Amino acid sequence: MKTYFLLDPIYVSEYTETNFAERQMSSLAGEILFRVKGDIHDDIQVVQRGNIRSLRFGSLGGWQGAYHVQKPDKLVFGYQRAFAAYVSSQDKINRFLSFGVGTGTALRIVKALHPHCKLFGVEIEEAVVHTAINYFASPSYSVATYWIGDGIQLLRNLEAQFDLILVDAYMKNNIYSPVLDPAFAPLINSHLSSQGTVIFNLISKLPFQDTLLAFINAAERFFPYQYLLPVGIPFTEQNMLLIFSHNRDIEHRWNKVVKHSSSLKYWERFTHSLRFRSLSTQSACAIMP
């Protein structure tokens, strides 16, 4: 597997709108808009069904993100809507890092709600960034700074701090496992501002298993405030947000915004207080859906 790392941001790409149009492919059902072989992923696909456009790595790969073509502000997945509610609860976000770009939805959300925020993304696969910009309205190279390569190596070589980091780094069907290594907790913490927050998008079942428990145990030493927000169907493997923060007002602000958030569906607003919970290693061992 080829992994490369660039400290300098990428501003120029060999992929243009014309090249993308020339490479468009379709299945008999007319649902594959584009596919390309990347350096890391053998088959990067843009698939559209009705008004929903999605990204996946291979025909059997999990969905990396989705975009409503007719209504770009309508967020498709629950974790996207929950993340948007958090972002809207903050008075100011000056610097945001998307650890894993995917479809660029997180960057787009932060840009819309905090227009003056400086945007950064790190993605191991360059073709994913080009695809996000050309097919999913991710901020362009002139608006956001993108690094290509291993995000952990980036953080080891970077001195910058961020007010908000979203860790959403998935390979074909599984999370990029080094981000759940206990050693990642102090590394990610070192790149947060004094009131900074890091949010992990995970797909998991409850109660948590050993790998996640070990990471939560390590994170407790660095983050005074920890929360869990499941956003899927209870008693199943589902998306959930794992939140670590230095902001003592995070729970109050988030709960206040949820009541009136236009990003959330009615049932998400109604059940938020049942799903959003404080987290510790002890509680994580016993926590149920």
C-alpha atoms as a PDB file:
ATOM      1  CA  MET A   1       0.000   0.000   0.000  1.00  0.00           C
ATOM      2  CA  LYS A   2       1.418   3.333  -1.006  1.00  0.00           C
ATOM      3  CA  THR A   3       1.130   6.029   1.626  1.00  0.00           C
ATOM      4  CA  TYR A   4       2.569   9.439   0.910  1.00  0.00           C
ATOM      5  CA  PHE A   5       2.611  12.630   2.873  1.00  0.00           C
ATOM      6  CA  LEU A   6       2.766  16.262   1.821  1.00  0.00           C
ATOM      7  CA  LEU A   7       3.303  19.037   4.340  1.00  0.00           C
ATOM      8  CA  ASP A   8       2.401  21.631   1.731  1.00  0.00           C
ATOM      9  CA  PRO A   9      -1.277  22.051   0.838  1.00  0.00           C
ATOM     10  CA  ILE A  10      -2.479  21.018  -2.589  1.00  0.00           C
ATOM     11  CA  TYR A  11      -3.847  23.830  -4.710  1.00  0.00           C
ATOM     12  CA  VAL A  12      -3.488  22.494  -8.255  1.00  0.00           C
ATOM     13  CA  SER A  13      -4.899  19.233  -9.496  1.00  0.00           C
ATOM     14  CA  GLU A  14      -4.639  17.318 -12.749  1.00  0.00           C
ATOM     15  CA  TYR A  15      -8.323  16.450 -12.334  1.00  0.00           C
ATOM     16  CA  THR A  16     -10.563  19.090 -13.891  1.00  0.00           C
ATOM     17  CA  GLU A  17     -14.289  19.279 -14.495  1.00  0.00           C
ATOM     18  CA  THR A  18     -13.656  18.280 -18.108  1.00  0.00           C
ATOM     19  CA  ASN A  19     -11.585  15.249 -17.156  1.00  0.00           C
ATOM     20  CA  PHE A  20     -14.266  14.129 -14.729  1.00  0.00           C
ATOM     21  CA  ALA A  21     -16.967  14.421 -17.384  1.00  0.00           C
ATOM     22  CA  GLU A  22     -14.884  12.411 -19.822  1.00  0.00           C
ATOM     23  CA  ARG A  23     -14.452   9.638 -17.259  1.00  0.00           C
ATOM     24  CA  GLN A  24     -18.118   9.306 -16.318  1.00  0.00           C
ATOM     25  CA  MET A  25     -19.412   5.753 -16.377  1.00  0.00           C
ATOM     26  CA  SER A  26     -22.831   4.278 -15.818  1.00  0.00           C
ATOM     27  CA  SER A  27     -24.186   0.868 -14.972  1.00  0.00           C
ATOM     28  CA  LEU A  28     -27.239  -0.622 -16.671  1.00  0.00           C
ATOM     29  CA  ALA A  29     -29.278   1.101 -13.963  1.00  0.00           C
ATOM     30  CA  GLY A  30     -27.529   4.380 -14.706  1.00  0.00           C
ATOM     31  CA  GLU A  31     -26.402   4.833 -11.117  1.00  0.00           C
ATOM     32  CA  ILE A  32     -22.599   4.990 -11.277  1.00  0.00           C
ATOM     33  CA  LEU A  33     -21.715   8.566 -12.236  1.00  0.00           C
ATOM     34  CA  PHE A  34     -17.975   8.244 -11.861  1.00  0.00           C
ATOM     35  CA  ARG A  35     -15.331   5.762 -10.839  1.00  0.00           C
ATOM     36  CA  VAL A  36     -11.570   5.975 -10.669  1.00  0.00           C
ATOM     37  CA  LYS A  37      -8.677   3.899  -9.329  1.00  0.00           C
ATOM     38  CA  GLY A  38      -6.787   5.695  -6.582  1.00  0.00           C
ATOM     39  CA  ASP A  39      -3.400   5.130  -4.987  1.00  0.00           C
ATOM     40  CA  ILE A  40      -4.971   3.593  -1.872  1.00  0.00           C
ATOM     41  CA  HIS A  41      -8.442   2.543  -2.969  1.00  0.00           C
ATOM     42  CA  ASP A  42      -8.769   0.397  -6.088  1.00  0.00           C
ATOM     43  CA  ASP A  43     -12.273   1.533  -6.965  1.00  0.00           C
ATOM     44  CA  ILE A  44     -13.625   4.929  -5.914  1.00  0.00           C
ATOM     45  CA  GLN A  45     -17.253   5.247  -6.987  1.00  0.00           C
ATOM     46  CA  VAL A  46     -19.800   8.055  -7.090  1.00  0.00           C
ATOM     47  CA  VAL A  47     -23.262   6.497  -7.108  1.00  0.00           C
ATOM     48  CA  GLN A  48     -26.554   8.316  -7.544  1.00  0.00           C
ATOM     49  CA  ARG A  49     -30.039   7.050  -6.755  1.00  0.00           C
ATOM     50  CA  GLY A  50     -32.739   9.638  -7.332  1.00  0.00           C
ATOM     51  CA  ASN A  51     -31.558  12.873  -5.729  1.00  0.00           C
ATOM     52  CA  ILE A  52     -29.055  11.174  -3.400  1.00  0.00           C
ATOM     53  CA  ARG A  53     -25.439  11.019  -4.523  1.00  0.00           C
ATOM     54  CA  SER A  54     -23.078   8.840  -2.490  1.00  0.00           C
ATOM     55  CA  LEU A  55     -19.400   7.887  -2.295  1.00  0.00           C
ATOM     56  CA  ARG A  56     -18.075   4.382  -1.727  1.00  0.00           C
ATOM     57  CA  PHE A  57     -14.858   2.415  -2.181  1.00  0.00           C
ATOM     58  CA  GLY A  58     -15.805  -0.577  -4.323  1.00  0.00           C
ATOM     59  CA  SER A  59     -19.216  -2.068  -5.003  1.00  0.00           C
ATOM     60  CA  LEU A  60     -19.244  -3.775  -1.577  1.00  0.00           C
ATOM     61  CA  GLY A  61     -17.813  -0.802   0.302  1.00  0.00           C
ATOM     62  CA  GLY A  62     -19.708   1.122   2.954  1.00  0.00           C
ATOM     63  CA  TRP A  63     -21.068   4.579   2.183  1.00  0.00           C
ATOM     64  CA  GLN A  64     -18.470   7.248   2.880  1.00  0.00           C
ATOM     65  CA  GLY A  65     -20.974  10.084   2.722  1.00  0.00           C
ATOM     66  CA  ALA A  66     -24.001  11.326   0.813  1.00  0.00           C
ATOM     67  CA  TYR A  67     -25.280  14.505  -0.787  1.00  0.00           C
ATOM     68  CA  HIS A  68     -28.775  15.648  -1.772  1.00  0.00           C
ATOM     69  CA  VAL A  69     -28.365  16.999  -5.299  1.00  0.00           C
ATOM     70  CA  GLN A  70     -31.552  19.092  -5.387  1.00  0.00           C
ATOM     71  CA  LYS A  71     -31.330  20.294  -1.784  1.00  0.00           C
ATOM     72  CA  PRO A  72     -27.632  20.571  -0.831  1.00  0.00           C
ATOM     73  CA  ASP A  73     -28.498  21.928   2.624  1.00  0.00           C
ATOM     74  CA  LYS A  74     -30.574  18.840   3.416  1.00  0.00           C
ATOM     75  CA  LEU A  75     -28.189  16.520   5.242  1.00  0.00           C
ATOM     76  CA  VAL A  76     -28.713  12.853   4.432  1.00  0.00           C
ATOM     77  CA  PHE A  77     -27.164  10.968   7.362  1.00  0.00           C
ATOM     78  CA  GLY A  78     -27.944  11.302  11.058  1.00  0.00           C
ATOM     79  CA  TYR A  79     -24.341  11.861  12.068  1.00  0.00           C
ATOM     80  CA  GLN A  80     -24.103  14.742   9.573  1.00  0.00           C
ATOM     81  CA  ARG A  81     -27.194  16.362  11.063  1.00  0.00           C
ATOM     82  CA  ALA A  82     -25.937  15.876  14.630  1.00  0.00           C
ATOM     83  CA  PHE A  83     -22.561  17.355  13.714  1.00  0.00           C
ATOM     84  CA  ALA A  84     -24.296  20.365  12.121  1.00  0.00           C
ATOM     85  CA  ALA A  85     -26.290  20.923  15.306  1.00  0.00           C
ATOM     86  CA  TYR A  86     -23.059  20.978  17.322  1.00  0.00           C
ATOM     87  CA  VAL A  87     -21.378  23.387  14.897  1.00  0.00           C
ATOM     88  CA  SER A  88     -24.368  25.746  15.070  1.00  0.00           C
ATOM     89  CA  SER A  89     -24.174  25.729  18.877  1.00  0.00           C
ATOM     90  CA  GLN A  90     -20.750  27.389  18.840  1.00  0.00           C
ATOM     91  CA  ASP A  91     -20.427  31.184  18.778  1.00  0.00           C
ATOM     92  CA  LYS A  92     -17.165  31.042  16.885  1.00  0.00           C
ATOM     93  CA  ILE A  93     -14.979  28.396  15.282  1.00  0.00           C
ATOM     94  CA  ASN A  94     -11.775  29.912  13.950  1.00  0.00           C
ATOM     95  CA  ARG A  95      -9.956  26.806  12.713  1.00  0.00           C
ATOM     96  CA  PHE A  96     -11.463  23.458  11.748  1.00  0.00           C
ATOM     97  CA  LEU A  97      -9.737  20.241  10.707  1.00  0.00           C
ATOM     98  CA  SER A  98     -11.537  17.400   8.967  1.00  0.00           C
ATOM     99  CA  PHE A  99      -9.425  14.292   9.669  1.00  0.00           C
ATOM    100  CA  GLY A 100     -10.671  12.309   6.693  1.00  0.00           C
ATOM    101  CA  VAL A 101     -12.373  14.330   3.965  1.00  0.00           C
ATOM    102  CA  GLY A 102     -14.757  11.815   2.391  1.00  0.00           C
ATOM    103  CA  THR A 103     -17.474  13.785   0.603  1.00  0.00           C
ATOM    104  CA  GLY A 104     -16.379  17.007   2.313  1.00  0.00           C
ATOM    105  CA  THR A 105     -19.736  17.408   4.068  1.00  0.00           C
ATOM    106  CA  ALA A 106     -18.174  18.451   7.393  1.00  0.00           C
ATOM    107  CA  LEU A 107     -16.110  21.139   5.689  1.00  0.00           C
ATOM    108  CA  ARG A 108     -19.201  22.357   3.875  1.00  0.00           C
ATOM    109  CA  ILE A 109     -21.218  22.492   7.119  1.00  0.00           C
ATOM    110  CA  VAL A 110     -18.588  24.495   8.986  1.00  0.00           C
ATOM    111  CA  LYS A 111     -18.130  26.881   6.062  1.00  0.00           C
ATOM    112  CA  ALA A 112     -21.882  27.541   5.887  1.00  0.00           C
ATOM    113  CA  LEU A 113     -22.300  28.175   9.622  1.00  0.00           C
ATOM    114  CA  HIS A 114     -18.972  29.910  10.265  1.00  0.00           C
ATOM    115  CA  PRO A 115     -18.043  31.665   7.002  1.00  0.00           C
ATOM    116  CA  HIS A 116     -14.810  33.133   8.373  1.00  0.00           C
ATOM    117  CA  CYS A 117     -13.467  29.867   9.776  1.00  0.00           C
ATOM    118  CA  LYS A 118     -10.207  28.612   8.276  1.00  0.00           C
ATOM    119  CA  LEU A 119     -10.825  25.164   6.840  1.00  0.00           C
ATOM    120  CA  PHE A 120      -8.350  22.275   6.710  1.00  0.00           C
ATOM    121  CA  GLY A 121      -8.713  18.691   5.570  1.00  0.00           C
ATOM    122  CA  VAL A 122      -6.346  15.729   5.587  1.00  0.00           C
ATOM    123  CA  GLU A 123      -7.114  12.741   3.371  1.00  0.00           C
ATOM    124  CA  ILE A 124      -4.957   9.722   2.598  1.00  0.00           C
ATOM    125  CA  GLU A 125      -6.302   9.434  -0.954  1.00  0.00           C
ATOM    126  CA  GLU A 126      -5.859  12.414  -3.297  1.00  0.00           C
ATOM    127  CA  ALA A 127      -8.558  11.224  -5.712  1.00  0.00           C
ATOM    128  CA  VAL A 128     -11.102  11.357  -2.874  1.00  0.00           C
ATOM    129  CA  VAL A 129     -10.469  15.079  -2.418  1.00  0.00           C
ATOM    130  CA  HIS A 130     -10.910  15.757  -6.135  1.00  0.00           C
ATOM    131  CA  THR A 131     -14.106  13.691  -6.140  1.00  0.00           C
ATOM    132  CA  ALA A 132     -15.473  15.542  -3.099  1.00  0.00           C
ATOM    133  CA  ILE A 133     -14.899  18.915  -4.742  1.00  0.00           C
ATOM    134  CA  ASN A 134     -16.263  17.957  -8.156  1.00  0.00           C
ATOM    135  CA  TYR A 135     -19.250  15.819  -7.137  1.00  0.00           C
ATOM    136  CA  PHE A 136     -20.193  16.759  -3.564  1.00  0.00           C
ATOM    137  CA  ALA A 137     -19.636  20.534  -3.382  1.00  0.00           C
ATOM    138  CA  SER A 138     -16.761  20.268  -0.912  1.00  0.00           C
ATOM    139  CA  PRO A 139     -14.991  23.628  -0.569  1.00  0.00           C
ATOM    140  CA  SER A 140     -12.553  24.258  -3.406  1.00  0.00           C
ATOM    141  CA  TYR A 141      -8.769  24.433  -3.092  1.00  0.00           C
ATOM    142  CA  SER A 142      -8.992  28.229  -2.916  1.00  0.00           C
ATOM    143  CA  VAL A 143     -11.311  28.020   0.104  1.00  0.00           C
ATOM    144  CA  ALA A 144      -9.884  25.087   2.103  1.00  0.00           C
ATOM    145  CA  THR A 145      -6.374  23.777   2.649  1.00  0.00           C
ATOM    146  CA  TYR A 146      -6.039  20.051   1.902  1.00  0.00           C
ATOM    147  CA  TRP A 147      -3.177  17.834   2.945  1.00  0.00           C
ATOM    148  CA  ILE A 148      -2.707  14.465   1.270  1.00  0.00           C
ATOM    149  CA  GLY A 149      -1.292  11.582   3.275  1.00  0.00           C
ATOM    150  CA  ASP A 150      -1.493   9.847   6.632  1.00  0.00           C
ATOM    151  CA  GLY A 151      -3.290  12.167   9.052  1.00  0.00           C
ATOM    152  CA  ILE A 152      -1.405  10.838  12.052  1.00  0.00           C
ATOM    153  CA  GLN A 153       1.909  11.604  10.383  1.00  0.00           C
ATOM    154  CA  LEU A 154       0.571  15.061   9.597  1.00  0.00           C
ATOM    155  CA  LEU A 155      -0.261  15.755  13.223  1.00  0.00           C
ATOM    156  CA  ARG A 156       3.162  14.543  14.327  1.00  0.00           C
ATOM    157  CA  ASN A 157       4.751  17.119  12.035  1.00  0.00           C
ATOM    158  CA  LEU A 158       2.275  19.955  12.534  1.00  0.00           C
ATOM    159  CA  GLU A 159       2.283  22.606  15.239  1.00  0.00           C
ATOM    160  CA  ALA A 160      -1.104  24.149  14.459  1.00  0.00           C
ATOM    161  CA  GLN A 161      -4.067  23.998  16.813  1.00  0.00           C
ATOM    162  CA  PHE A 162      -7.759  23.847  15.974  1.00  0.00           C
ATOM    163  CA  ASP A 163     -10.982  24.770  17.735  1.00  0.00           C
ATOM    164  CA  LEU A 164     -12.745  21.744  16.283  1.00  0.00           C
ATOM    165  CA  ILE A 165     -11.526  18.479  14.778  1.00  0.00           C
ATOM    166  CA  LEU A 166     -13.776  15.839  13.251  1.00  0.00           C
ATOM    167  CA  VAL A 167     -12.201  12.386  12.984  1.00  0.00           C
ATOM    168  CA  ASP A 168     -14.123  10.556  10.259  1.00  0.00           C
ATOM    169  CA  ALA A 169     -11.473   8.328   8.720  1.00  0.00           C
ATOM    170  CA  TYR A 170     -12.870   5.183   7.142  1.00  0.00           C
ATOM    171  CA  MET A 171     -11.298   2.787   4.721  1.00  0.00           C
ATOM    172  CA  LYS A 172     -13.514   0.466   2.646  1.00  0.00           C
ATOM    173  CA  ASN A 173     -15.638  -0.855   5.504  1.00  0.00           C
ATOM    174  CA  ASN A 174     -13.772  -0.093   8.712  1.00  0.00           C
ATOM    175  CA  ILE A 175     -12.447   2.876  10.594  1.00  0.00           C
ATOM    176  CA  TYR A 176      -8.755   3.671  10.138  1.00  0.00           C
ATOM    177  CA  SER A 177      -7.671   1.712  13.228  1.00  0.00           C
ATOM    178  CA  PRO A 178      -4.705   3.886  14.357  1.00  0.00           C
ATOM    179  CA  VAL A 179      -7.142   6.652  15.368  1.00  0.00           C
ATOM    180  CA  LEU A 180      -8.448   4.358  18.117  1.00  0.00           C
ATOM    181  CA  ASP A 181      -4.993   3.554  19.460  1.00  0.00           C
ATOM    182  CA  PRO A 182      -4.646   4.995  22.990  1.00  0.00           C
ATOM    183  CA  ALA A 183      -1.533   6.874  21.789  1.00  0.00           C
ATOM    184  CA  PHE A 184      -3.745   8.934  19.482  1.00  0.00           C
ATOM    185  CA  ALA A 185      -5.497  10.605  22.443  1.00  0.00           C
ATOM    186  CA  PRO A 186      -2.555  12.790  23.560  1.00  0.00           C
ATOM    187  CA  LEU A 187      -1.620  13.495  19.937  1.00  0.00           C
ATOM    188  CA  ILE A 188      -5.045  14.814  18.959  1.00  0.00           C
ATOM    189  CA  ASN A 189      -5.305  16.714  22.246  1.00  0.00           C
ATOM    190  CA  SER A 190      -2.055  18.556  21.519  1.00  0.00           C
ATOM    191  CA  HIS A 191      -3.668  20.069  18.421  1.00  0.00           C
ATOM    192  CA  LEU A 192      -6.738  21.472  20.153  1.00  0.00           C
ATOM    193  CA  SER A 193      -7.118  25.032  21.378  1.00  0.00           C
ATOM    194  CA  SER A 194      -7.787  25.713  25.060  1.00  0.00           C
ATOM    195  CA  GLN A 195     -11.553  25.314  24.531  1.00  0.00           C
ATOM    196  CA  GLY A 196     -11.237  22.849  21.665  1.00  0.00           C
ATOM    197  CA  THR A 197     -13.341  19.790  20.876  1.00  0.00           C
ATOM    198  CA  VAL A 198     -12.673  16.633  18.897  1.00  0.00           C
ATOM    199  CA  ILE A 199     -15.576  14.556  17.582  1.00  0.00           C
ATOM    200  CA  PHE A 200     -15.203  10.981  16.327  1.00  0.00           C
ATOM    201  CA  ASN A 201     -17.718   9.501  13.917  1.00  0.00           C
ATOM    202  CA  LEU A 202     -17.835   5.775  14.681  1.00  0.00           C
ATOM    203  CA  ILE A 203     -19.872   2.792  13.585  1.00  0.00           C
ATOM    204  CA  SER A 204     -20.204   0.484  16.551  1.00  0.00           C
ATOM    205  CA  LYS A 205     -22.523  -1.469  18.783  1.00  0.00           C
ATOM    206  CA  LEU A 206     -23.306  -0.840  22.420  1.00  0.00           C
ATOM    207  CA  PRO A 207     -21.936  -1.688  24.877  1.00  0.00           C
ATOM    208  CA  PHE A 208     -18.426  -0.903  23.628  1.00  0.00           C
ATOM    209  CA  GLN A 209     -15.776  -3.575  23.164  1.00  0.00           C
ATOM    210  CA  ASP A 210     -12.186  -3.625  24.398  1.00  0.00           C
ATOM    211  CA  THR A 211     -10.601  -1.461  21.667  1.00  0.00           C
ATOM    212  CA  LEU A 212     -12.936   1.474  22.226  1.00  0.00           C
ATOM    213  CA  LEU A 213     -12.828   1.092  25.995  1.00  0.00           C
ATOM    214  CA  ALA A 214      -9.032   1.281  25.962  1.00  0.00           C
ATOM    215  CA  PHE A 215      -9.162   4.452  23.885  1.00  0.00           C
ATOM    216  CA  ILE A 216     -11.792   6.073  26.130  1.00  0.00           C
ATOM    217  CA  ASN A 217      -9.681   5.199  29.172  1.00  0.00           C
ATOM    218  CA  ALA A 218      -6.654   6.911  27.595  1.00  0.00           C
ATOM    219  CA  ALA A 219      -8.691   9.957  26.548  1.00  0.00           C
ATOM    220  CA  GLU A 220     -10.005  10.504  30.078  1.00  0.00           C
ATOM    221  CA  ARG A 221      -6.557  11.668  31.135  1.00  0.00           C
ATOM    222  CA  PHE A 222      -6.603  14.531  28.633  1.00  0.00           C
ATOM    223  CA  PHE A 223     -10.228  15.591  28.198  1.00  0.00           C
ATOM    224  CA  PRO A 224     -12.345  16.742  31.161  1.00  0.00           C
ATOM    225  CA  TYR A 225     -15.613  16.455  29.209  1.00  0.00           C
ATOM    226  CA  GLN A 226     -16.629  13.324  27.297  1.00  0.00           C
ATOM    227  CA  TYR A 227     -19.945  12.513  25.668  1.00  0.00           C
ATOM    228  CA  LEU A 228     -21.624   9.924  23.485  1.00  0.00           C
ATOM    229  CA  LEU A 229     -24.407  10.541  20.966  1.00  0.00           C
ATOM    230  CA  PRO A 230     -25.788   7.471  19.137  1.00  0.00           C
ATOM    231  CA  VAL A 231     -27.582   8.557  15.961  1.00  0.00           C
ATOM    232  CA  GLY A 232     -28.774   5.261  14.487  1.00  0.00           C
ATOM    233  CA  ILE A 233     -31.240   2.504  15.283  1.00  0.00           C
ATOM    234  CA  PRO A 234     -30.956   1.239  18.891  1.00  0.00           C
ATOM    235  CA  PHE A 235     -29.656  -2.307  19.481  1.00  0.00           C
ATOM    236  CA  THR A 236     -27.877  -2.343  16.105  1.00  0.00           C
ATOM    237  CA  GLU A 237     -24.463  -1.431  14.793  1.00  0.00           C
ATOM    238  CA  GLN A 238     -24.924   2.287  14.203  1.00  0.00           C
ATOM    239  CA  ASN A 239     -23.250   5.620  13.677  1.00  0.00           C
ATOM    240  CA  MET A 240     -22.445   7.444  16.873  1.00  0.00           C
ATOM    241  CA  LEU A 241     -20.515  10.551  17.777  1.00  0.00           C
ATOM    242  CA  LEU A 242     -17.869  10.262  20.474  1.00  0.00           C
ATOM    243  CA  ILE A 243     -17.045  13.736  21.792  1.00  0.00           C
ATOM    244  CA  PHE A 244     -13.998  14.842  23.798  1.00  0.00           C
ATOM    245  CA  SER A 245     -13.760  18.472  24.826  1.00  0.00           C
ATOM    246  CA  HIS A 246     -12.147  21.167  26.951  1.00  0.00           C
ATOM    247  CA  ASN A 247     -15.290  23.303  26.717  1.00  0.00           C
ATOM    248  CA  ARG A 248     -17.296  23.184  29.929  1.00  0.00           C
ATOM    249  CA  ASP A 249     -20.361  24.658  28.197  1.00  0.00           C
ATOM    250  CA  ILE A 250     -20.551  22.081  25.415  1.00  0.00           C
ATOM    251  CA  GLU A 251     -23.484  20.123  26.857  1.00  0.00           C
ATOM    252  CA  HIS A 252     -25.549  23.204  27.720  1.00  0.00           C
ATOM    253  CA  ARG A 253     -24.983  24.857  24.339  1.00  0.00           C
ATOM    254  CA  TRP A 254     -25.669  21.705  22.323  1.00  0.00           C
ATOM    255  CA  ASN A 255     -28.860  20.854  24.213  1.00  0.00           C
ATOM    256  CA  LYS A 256     -30.136  24.403  23.809  1.00  0.00           C
ATOM    257  CA  VAL A 257     -29.619  24.456  20.044  1.00  0.00           C
ATOM    258  CA  VAL A 258     -31.126  21.011  19.476  1.00  0.00           C
ATOM    259  CA  LYS A 259     -34.602  22.219  20.460  1.00  0.00           C
ATOM    260  CA  HIS A 260     -34.807  24.466  17.414  1.00  0.00           C
ATOM    261  CA  SER A 261     -32.187  23.044  15.038  1.00  0.00           C
ATOM    262  CA  SER A 262     -33.328  23.021  11.421  1.00  0.00           C
ATOM    263  CA  SER A 263     -30.616  20.445  10.655  1.00  0.00           C
ATOM    264  CA  LEU A 264     -32.316  17.744  12.734  1.00  0.00           C
ATOM    265  CA  LYS A 265     -35.416  15.715  12.053  1.00  0.00           C
ATOM    266  CA  TYR A 266     -38.289  15.989  14.513  1.00  0.00           C
ATOM    267  CA  TRP A 267     -37.605  12.635  16.151  1.00  0.00           C
ATOM    268  CA  GLU A 268     -33.912  13.525  16.555  1.00  0.00           C
ATOM    269  CA  ARG A 269     -34.807  16.693  18.434  1.00  0.00           C
ATOM    270  CA  PHE A 270     -37.390  14.853  20.526  1.00  0.00           C
ATOM    271  CA  THR A 271     -35.075  11.989  21.549  1.00  0.00           C
ATOM    272  CA  HIS A 272     -31.812  13.932  21.895  1.00  0.00           C
ATOM    273  CA  SER A 273     -31.942  14.051  25.692  1.00  0.00           C
ATOM    274  CA  LEU A 274     -32.362  10.272  25.775  1.00  0.00           C
ATOM    275  CA  ARG A 275     -29.429   9.626  23.454  1.00  0.00           C
ATOM    276  CA  PHE A 276     -26.899  12.292  24.483  1.00  0.00           C
ATOM    277  CA  ARG A 277     -24.998  11.189  27.573  1.00  0.00           C
ATOM    278  CA  SER A 278     -21.837  11.813  29.559  1.00  0.00           C
ATOM    279  CA  LEU A 279     -19.181   9.174  29.172  1.00  0.00           C
ATOM    280  CA  SER A 280     -16.432   7.579  31.232  1.00  0.00           C
ATOM    281  CA  THR A 281     -14.652   4.249  31.071  1.00  0.00           C
ATOM    282  CA  GLN A 282     -16.865   2.916  33.850  1.00  0.00           C
ATOM    283  CA  SER A 283     -20.101   4.075  32.213  1.00  0.00           C
ATOM    284  CA  ALA A 284     -18.944   2.906  28.793  1.00  0.00           C
ATOM    285  CA  CYS A 285     -18.555  -0.634  30.108  1.00  0.00           C
ATOM    286  CA  ALA A 286     -22.167  -0.720  31.187  1.00  0.00           C
ATOM    287  CA  ILE A 287     -23.819   1.567  28.661  1.00  0.00           C
ATOM    288  CA  MET A 288     -26.641   0.068  26.651  1.00  0.00           C
ATOM    289  CA  PRO A 289     -28.418   1.263  23.488  1.00  0.00           C
END
